[in-house]
Amino acid sequence: MIETLLLVLFISYKKGSQLKLLWTEKAFYPIFLCEAFYWIMQILIFNGNYSFLAFTGLFKSIYLCSTLFIVYRYNLYKYALIGSGCVLLGGWCNDLAIWANHGKMPVFPTLSLWTGYSSPEMFGVADQLHIFGDQTTKLKMLTDFIDLGYSVLSIGDVLIRILPFIVIYQGLKSASTQLLSTIKEDI
């Protein structure tokens, strides 16, 4: 999910938000903690350690819940509802792909094969949900085909990532606005 945070930081920087607020506002700390854990998970996967993959669903839930600190701090309820709708839609897309493929999520790695993140042999061993996609795959557009080199995403996964994107972006925007109004009051 680091790509979501990096995209938010890039867009926020280009739009003039104060990125230093990420370090001073405690509402952003849970996201950073989750991102640090996510990086540790990615390093373990690159080293062939798949023992924790059973907990990735729980981690994804914790990650999404960590955005609630930002939502509450900056009253971003409207954006949280929009993002939650995207999470529901993304979950439905993933569930539909899994249902159409007999309880498995086909994965079509390209760049990940080259980087060593995945190999055809690991499917069915690392976890019991993902399988290597082939010509028998149904609803291919809903399966994991968006390869980042360290993760392979589905359209549903991208939709799920909209929640943290919107919340972090709007949180930074709100924090920057509050900082500017505080500076104007001091002058």
C-alpha atoms as a PDB file:
ATOM      1  CA  MET A   1       0.000   0.000   0.000  1.00  0.00           C
ATOM      2  CA  ILE A   2       3.066   2.172  -0.107  1.00  0.00           C
ATOM      3  CA  GLU A   3       2.151   3.211  -3.646  1.00  0.00           C
ATOM      4  CA  THR A   4      -1.017   4.823  -2.271  1.00  0.00           C
ATOM      5  CA  LEU A   5       0.936   6.848   0.285  1.00  0.00           C
ATOM      6  CA  LEU A   6       3.595   7.878  -2.251  1.00  0.00           C
ATOM      7  CA  LEU A   7       0.921   8.977  -4.726  1.00  0.00           C
ATOM      8  CA  VAL A   8      -0.819  11.017  -2.022  1.00  0.00           C
ATOM      9  CA  LEU A   9       2.463  12.638  -1.003  1.00  0.00           C
ATOM     10  CA  PHE A  10       3.335  13.505  -4.601  1.00  0.00           C
ATOM     11  CA  ILE A  11      -0.072  15.009  -5.392  1.00  0.00           C
ATOM     12  CA  SER A  12      -0.226  16.826  -2.042  1.00  0.00           C
ATOM     13  CA  TYR A  13       3.222  18.283  -2.616  1.00  0.00           C
ATOM     14  CA  LYS A  14       2.256  19.468  -6.097  1.00  0.00           C
ATOM     15  CA  LYS A  15      -0.946  21.030  -4.714  1.00  0.00           C
ATOM     16  CA  GLY A  16       1.002  22.917  -2.025  1.00  0.00           C
ATOM     17  CA  SER A  17       0.111  20.955   1.114  1.00  0.00           C
ATOM     18  CA  GLN A  18       2.507  21.084   4.035  1.00  0.00           C
ATOM     19  CA  LEU A  19       4.063  17.590   4.061  1.00  0.00           C
ATOM     20  CA  LYS A  20       5.904  18.307   7.306  1.00  0.00           C
ATOM     21  CA  LEU A  21       2.523  18.018   9.006  1.00  0.00           C
ATOM     22  CA  LEU A  22       2.705  14.264   8.509  1.00  0.00           C
ATOM     23  CA  TRP A  23       5.388  14.163  11.196  1.00  0.00           C
ATOM     24  CA  THR A  24       3.793  16.626  13.594  1.00  0.00           C
ATOM     25  CA  GLU A  25       0.148  15.532  13.454  1.00  0.00           C
ATOM     26  CA  LYS A  26      -0.388  12.394  15.537  1.00  0.00           C
ATOM     27  CA  ALA A  27      -3.454  11.397  13.533  1.00  0.00           C
ATOM     28  CA  PHE A  28      -1.120  10.268  10.723  1.00  0.00           C
ATOM     29  CA  TYR A  29       1.043   8.023  12.963  1.00  0.00           C
ATOM     30  CA  PRO A  30      -1.139   4.882  12.696  1.00  0.00           C
ATOM     31  CA  ILE A  31      -0.841   5.012   8.895  1.00  0.00           C
ATOM     32  CA  PHE A  32       2.946   5.225   9.201  1.00  0.00           C
ATOM     33  CA  LEU A  33       2.993   2.287  11.581  1.00  0.00           C
ATOM     34  CA  CYS A  34       0.942   0.232   9.138  1.00  0.00           C
ATOM     35  CA  GLU A  35       3.187   1.258   6.241  1.00  0.00           C
ATOM     36  CA  ALA A  36       6.275   0.195   8.212  1.00  0.00           C
ATOM     37  CA  PHE A  37       4.682  -3.173   8.899  1.00  0.00           C
ATOM     38  CA  TYR A  38       3.714  -3.449   5.231  1.00  0.00           C
ATOM     39  CA  TRP A  39       7.338  -2.906   4.185  1.00  0.00           C
ATOM     40  CA  ILE A  40       8.466  -5.606   6.620  1.00  0.00           C
ATOM     41  CA  MET A  41       5.912  -7.974   5.079  1.00  0.00           C
ATOM     42  CA  GLN A  42       7.166  -7.181   1.574  1.00  0.00           C
ATOM     43  CA  ILE A  43      10.777  -7.821   2.594  1.00  0.00           C
ATOM     44  CA  LEU A  44       9.782 -11.156   4.118  1.00  0.00           C
ATOM     45  CA  ILE A  45       7.931 -12.144   0.934  1.00  0.00           C
ATOM     46  CA  PHE A  46      10.948 -11.224  -1.199  1.00  0.00           C
ATOM     47  CA  ASN A  47      13.003 -13.513   1.051  1.00  0.00           C
ATOM     48  CA  GLY A  48      10.545 -16.384   0.614  1.00  0.00           C
ATOM     49  CA  ASN A  49       8.964 -16.233   4.082  1.00  0.00           C
ATOM     50  CA  TYR A  50       5.208 -16.688   3.575  1.00  0.00           C
ATOM     51  CA  SER A  51       4.276 -17.787   7.094  1.00  0.00           C
ATOM     52  CA  PHE A  52       2.372 -14.585   7.954  1.00  0.00           C
ATOM     53  CA  LEU A  53       0.229 -14.485   4.786  1.00  0.00           C
ATOM     54  CA  ALA A  54      -2.698 -15.955   6.723  1.00  0.00           C
ATOM     55  CA  PHE A  55      -2.929 -12.623   8.547  1.00  0.00           C
ATOM     56  CA  THR A  56      -2.963 -10.326   5.505  1.00  0.00           C
ATOM     57  CA  GLY A  57      -6.771  -9.957   5.605  1.00  0.00           C
ATOM     58  CA  LEU A  58      -6.566  -8.826   9.218  1.00  0.00           C
ATOM     59  CA  PHE A  59      -3.736  -6.443   8.370  1.00  0.00           C
ATOM     60  CA  LYS A  60      -5.720  -4.907   5.503  1.00  0.00           C
ATOM     61  CA  SER A  61      -8.594  -4.268   7.923  1.00  0.00           C
ATOM     62  CA  ILE A  62      -6.243  -2.680  10.474  1.00  0.00           C
ATOM     63  CA  TYR A  63      -4.706  -0.528   7.748  1.00  0.00           C
ATOM     64  CA  LEU A  64      -8.096   0.730   6.592  1.00  0.00           C
ATOM     65  CA  CYS A  65      -9.195   1.347  10.201  1.00  0.00           C
ATOM     66  CA  SER A  66      -6.048   3.389  10.828  1.00  0.00           C
ATOM     67  CA  THR A  67      -7.525   6.028   8.528  1.00  0.00           C
ATOM     68  CA  LEU A  68     -10.267   6.610  11.109  1.00  0.00           C
ATOM     69  CA  PHE A  69      -7.853   8.648  13.242  1.00  0.00           C
ATOM     70  CA  ILE A  70      -7.482  11.120  10.367  1.00  0.00           C
ATOM     71  CA  VAL A  71     -11.219  11.070   9.636  1.00  0.00           C
ATOM     72  CA  TYR A  72     -12.060  11.869  13.247  1.00  0.00           C
ATOM     73  CA  ARG A  73      -9.321  14.490  13.696  1.00  0.00           C
ATOM     74  CA  TYR A  74     -10.287  16.491  10.601  1.00  0.00           C
ATOM     75  CA  ASN A  75     -14.031  15.666  10.385  1.00  0.00           C
ATOM     76  CA  LEU A  76     -13.659  13.965   7.008  1.00  0.00           C
ATOM     77  CA  TYR A  77     -16.857  11.958   7.299  1.00  0.00           C
ATOM     78  CA  LYS A  78     -18.114  12.719   3.784  1.00  0.00           C
ATOM     79  CA  TYR A  79     -14.808  11.571   2.267  1.00  0.00           C
ATOM     80  CA  ALA A  80     -14.774   8.497   4.499  1.00  0.00           C
ATOM     81  CA  LEU A  81     -18.226   7.539   3.218  1.00  0.00           C
ATOM     82  CA  ILE A  82     -17.110   7.934  -0.394  1.00  0.00           C
ATOM     83  CA  GLY A  83     -14.003   5.857   0.322  1.00  0.00           C
ATOM     84  CA  SER A  84     -16.063   3.245   2.167  1.00  0.00           C
ATOM     85  CA  GLY A  85     -18.293   2.916  -0.884  1.00  0.00           C
ATOM     86  CA  CYS A  86     -15.167   2.259  -2.945  1.00  0.00           C
ATOM     87  CA  VAL A  87     -14.048  -0.370  -0.409  1.00  0.00           C
ATOM     88  CA  LEU A  88     -17.420  -2.118  -0.730  1.00  0.00           C
ATOM     89  CA  LEU A  89     -17.324  -1.980  -4.520  1.00  0.00           C
ATOM     90  CA  GLY A  90     -13.726  -3.236  -4.552  1.00  0.00           C
ATOM     91  CA  GLY A  91     -14.587  -6.069  -2.191  1.00  0.00           C
ATOM     92  CA  TRP A  92     -17.512  -7.056  -4.395  1.00  0.00           C
ATOM     93  CA  CYS A  93     -15.269  -7.048  -7.479  1.00  0.00           C
ATOM     94  CA  ASN A  94     -12.773  -9.304  -5.717  1.00  0.00           C
ATOM     95  CA  ASP A  95     -15.512 -11.600  -4.411  1.00  0.00           C
ATOM     96  CA  LEU A  96     -17.032 -11.863  -7.889  1.00  0.00           C
ATOM     97  CA  ALA A  97     -13.653 -12.825  -9.398  1.00  0.00           C
ATOM     98  CA  ILE A  98     -13.104 -15.420  -6.648  1.00  0.00           C
ATOM     99  CA  TRP A  99     -16.633 -16.808  -7.074  1.00  0.00           C
ATOM    100  CA  ALA A 100     -16.258 -17.071 -10.871  1.00  0.00           C
ATOM    101  CA  ASN A 101     -12.965 -18.935 -10.470  1.00  0.00           C
ATOM    102  CA  HIS A 102     -14.169 -21.604  -8.025  1.00  0.00           C
ATOM    103  CA  GLY A 103     -13.029 -19.926  -4.807  1.00  0.00           C
ATOM    104  CA  LYS A 104      -9.589 -18.866  -6.069  1.00  0.00           C
ATOM    105  CA  MET A 105      -8.165 -15.517  -7.147  1.00  0.00           C
ATOM    106  CA  PRO A 106      -6.101 -15.913 -10.330  1.00  0.00           C
ATOM    107  CA  VAL A 107      -2.932 -13.843 -10.484  1.00  0.00           C
ATOM    108  CA  PHE A 108      -1.184 -12.781 -13.682  1.00  0.00           C
ATOM    109  CA  PRO A 109       2.291 -11.680 -12.609  1.00  0.00           C
ATOM    110  CA  THR A 110       4.630 -10.144 -15.154  1.00  0.00           C
ATOM    111  CA  LEU A 111       7.037  -7.712 -13.515  1.00  0.00           C
ATOM    112  CA  SER A 112       6.826  -9.647 -10.222  1.00  0.00           C
ATOM    113  CA  LEU A 113       8.263 -12.713 -11.941  1.00  0.00           C
ATOM    114  CA  TRP A 114      11.208 -10.638 -13.092  1.00  0.00           C
ATOM    115  CA  THR A 115      11.816  -9.001  -9.676  1.00  0.00           C
ATOM    116  CA  GLY A 116      11.530 -12.337  -7.872  1.00  0.00           C
ATOM    117  CA  TYR A 117       8.520 -11.297  -5.819  1.00  0.00           C
ATOM    118  CA  SER A 118       6.525 -14.219  -7.157  1.00  0.00           C
ATOM    119  CA  SER A 119       7.060 -17.434  -9.045  1.00  0.00           C
ATOM    120  CA  PRO A 120       4.615 -19.948 -10.519  1.00  0.00           C
ATOM    121  CA  GLU A 121       5.699 -22.491  -7.888  1.00  0.00           C
ATOM    122  CA  MET A 122       4.616 -20.326  -4.949  1.00  0.00           C
ATOM    123  CA  PHE A 123       0.920 -20.268  -5.919  1.00  0.00           C
ATOM    124  CA  GLY A 124      -1.074 -22.720  -3.840  1.00  0.00           C
ATOM    125  CA  VAL A 125       1.849 -23.030  -1.395  1.00  0.00           C
ATOM    126  CA  ALA A 126       2.165 -19.504   0.024  1.00  0.00           C
ATOM    127  CA  ASP A 127      -1.581 -19.135   0.493  1.00  0.00           C
ATOM    128  CA  GLN A 128      -4.618 -21.114  -0.516  1.00  0.00           C
ATOM    129  CA  LEU A 129      -6.520 -18.253  -2.174  1.00  0.00           C
ATOM    130  CA  HIS A 130      -4.289 -17.201  -5.059  1.00  0.00           C
ATOM    131  CA  ILE A 131      -3.545 -19.336  -8.098  1.00  0.00           C
ATOM    132  CA  PHE A 132      -1.469 -18.721 -11.196  1.00  0.00           C
ATOM    133  CA  GLY A 133      -3.825 -17.410 -13.880  1.00  0.00           C
ATOM    134  CA  ASP A 134      -4.167 -19.183 -17.201  1.00  0.00           C
ATOM    135  CA  GLN A 135      -6.480 -19.391 -20.234  1.00  0.00           C
ATOM    136  CA  THR A 136      -9.277 -20.992 -18.167  1.00  0.00           C
ATOM    137  CA  THR A 137      -9.583 -17.929 -15.922  1.00  0.00           C
ATOM    138  CA  LYS A 138     -12.999 -16.283 -15.925  1.00  0.00           C
ATOM    139  CA  LEU A 139     -13.584 -12.523 -15.489  1.00  0.00           C
ATOM    140  CA  LYS A 140      -9.913 -11.809 -16.175  1.00  0.00           C
ATOM    141  CA  MET A 141     -10.423  -8.036 -15.780  1.00  0.00           C
ATOM    142  CA  LEU A 142     -11.383  -8.533 -12.117  1.00  0.00           C
ATOM    143  CA  THR A 143      -8.409 -10.750 -11.237  1.00  0.00           C
ATOM    144  CA  ASP A 144      -4.955  -9.703 -10.034  1.00  0.00           C
ATOM    145  CA  PHE A 145      -3.261  -8.395 -13.177  1.00  0.00           C
ATOM    146  CA  ILE A 146      -1.924  -4.926 -12.250  1.00  0.00           C
ATOM    147  CA  ASP A 147       1.684  -5.841 -11.491  1.00  0.00           C
ATOM    148  CA  LEU A 148       3.777  -3.343  -9.535  1.00  0.00           C
ATOM    149  CA  GLY A 149       6.811  -5.607  -9.202  1.00  0.00           C
ATOM    150  CA  TYR A 150       6.302  -6.104  -5.477  1.00  0.00           C
ATOM    151  CA  SER A 151       2.572  -6.723  -5.526  1.00  0.00           C
ATOM    152  CA  VAL A 152      -0.068  -7.733  -8.052  1.00  0.00           C
ATOM    153  CA  LEU A 153      -3.369  -5.883  -7.707  1.00  0.00           C
ATOM    154  CA  SER A 154      -6.866  -6.303  -9.055  1.00  0.00           C
ATOM    155  CA  ILE A 155      -9.282  -3.532  -9.952  1.00  0.00           C
ATOM    156  CA  GLY A 156     -10.984  -4.340  -6.637  1.00  0.00           C
ATOM    157  CA  ASP A 157      -7.708  -3.777  -4.777  1.00  0.00           C
ATOM    158  CA  VAL A 158      -7.279  -0.409  -6.493  1.00  0.00           C
ATOM    159  CA  LEU A 159     -10.821   0.582  -5.505  1.00  0.00           C
ATOM    160  CA  ILE A 160     -10.110  -0.445  -1.899  1.00  0.00           C
ATOM    161  CA  ARG A 161      -7.021   1.788  -1.862  1.00  0.00           C
ATOM    162  CA  ILE A 162      -9.149   4.816  -2.733  1.00  0.00           C
ATOM    163  CA  LEU A 163     -10.259   5.082   0.921  1.00  0.00           C
ATOM    164  CA  PRO A 164      -6.776   5.689   2.363  1.00  0.00           C
ATOM    165  CA  PHE A 165      -5.901   7.882  -0.621  1.00  0.00           C
ATOM    166  CA  ILE A 166      -8.883  10.200  -0.142  1.00  0.00           C
ATOM    167  CA  VAL A 167      -8.585  10.316   3.640  1.00  0.00           C
ATOM    168  CA  ILE A 168      -4.833  10.972   3.735  1.00  0.00           C
ATOM    169  CA  TYR A 169      -5.061  13.569   0.966  1.00  0.00           C
ATOM    170  CA  GLN A 170      -7.977  15.417   2.549  1.00  0.00           C
ATOM    171  CA  GLY A 171      -6.332  15.103   5.978  1.00  0.00           C
ATOM    172  CA  LEU A 172      -3.159  16.752   4.690  1.00  0.00           C
ATOM    173  CA  LYS A 173      -5.201  19.417   2.955  1.00  0.00           C
ATOM    174  CA  SER A 174      -7.185  20.134   6.146  1.00  0.00           C
ATOM    175  CA  ALA A 175      -4.040  20.163   8.292  1.00  0.00           C
ATOM    176  CA  SER A 176      -2.384  22.605   5.881  1.00  0.00           C
ATOM    177  CA  THR A 177      -5.437  24.860   5.927  1.00  0.00           C
ATOM    178  CA  GLN A 178      -5.508  24.813   9.731  1.00  0.00           C
ATOM    179  CA  LEU A 179      -1.794  25.629   9.860  1.00  0.00           C
ATOM    180  CA  LEU A 180      -2.216  28.567   7.483  1.00  0.00           C
ATOM    181  CA  SER A 181      -5.157  29.955   9.459  1.00  0.00           C
ATOM    182  CA  THR A 182      -3.131  29.650  12.680  1.00  0.00           C
ATOM    183  CA  ILE A 183      -0.237  31.549  11.097  1.00  0.00           C
ATOM    184  CA  LYS A 184      -2.594  34.294   9.873  1.00  0.00           C
ATOM    185  CA  GLU A 185      -4.076  34.625  13.373  1.00  0.00           C
ATOM    186  CA  ASP A 186      -0.596  35.006  14.857  1.00  0.00           C
ATOM    187  CA  ILE A 187       0.201  37.856  12.454  1.00  0.00           C
END
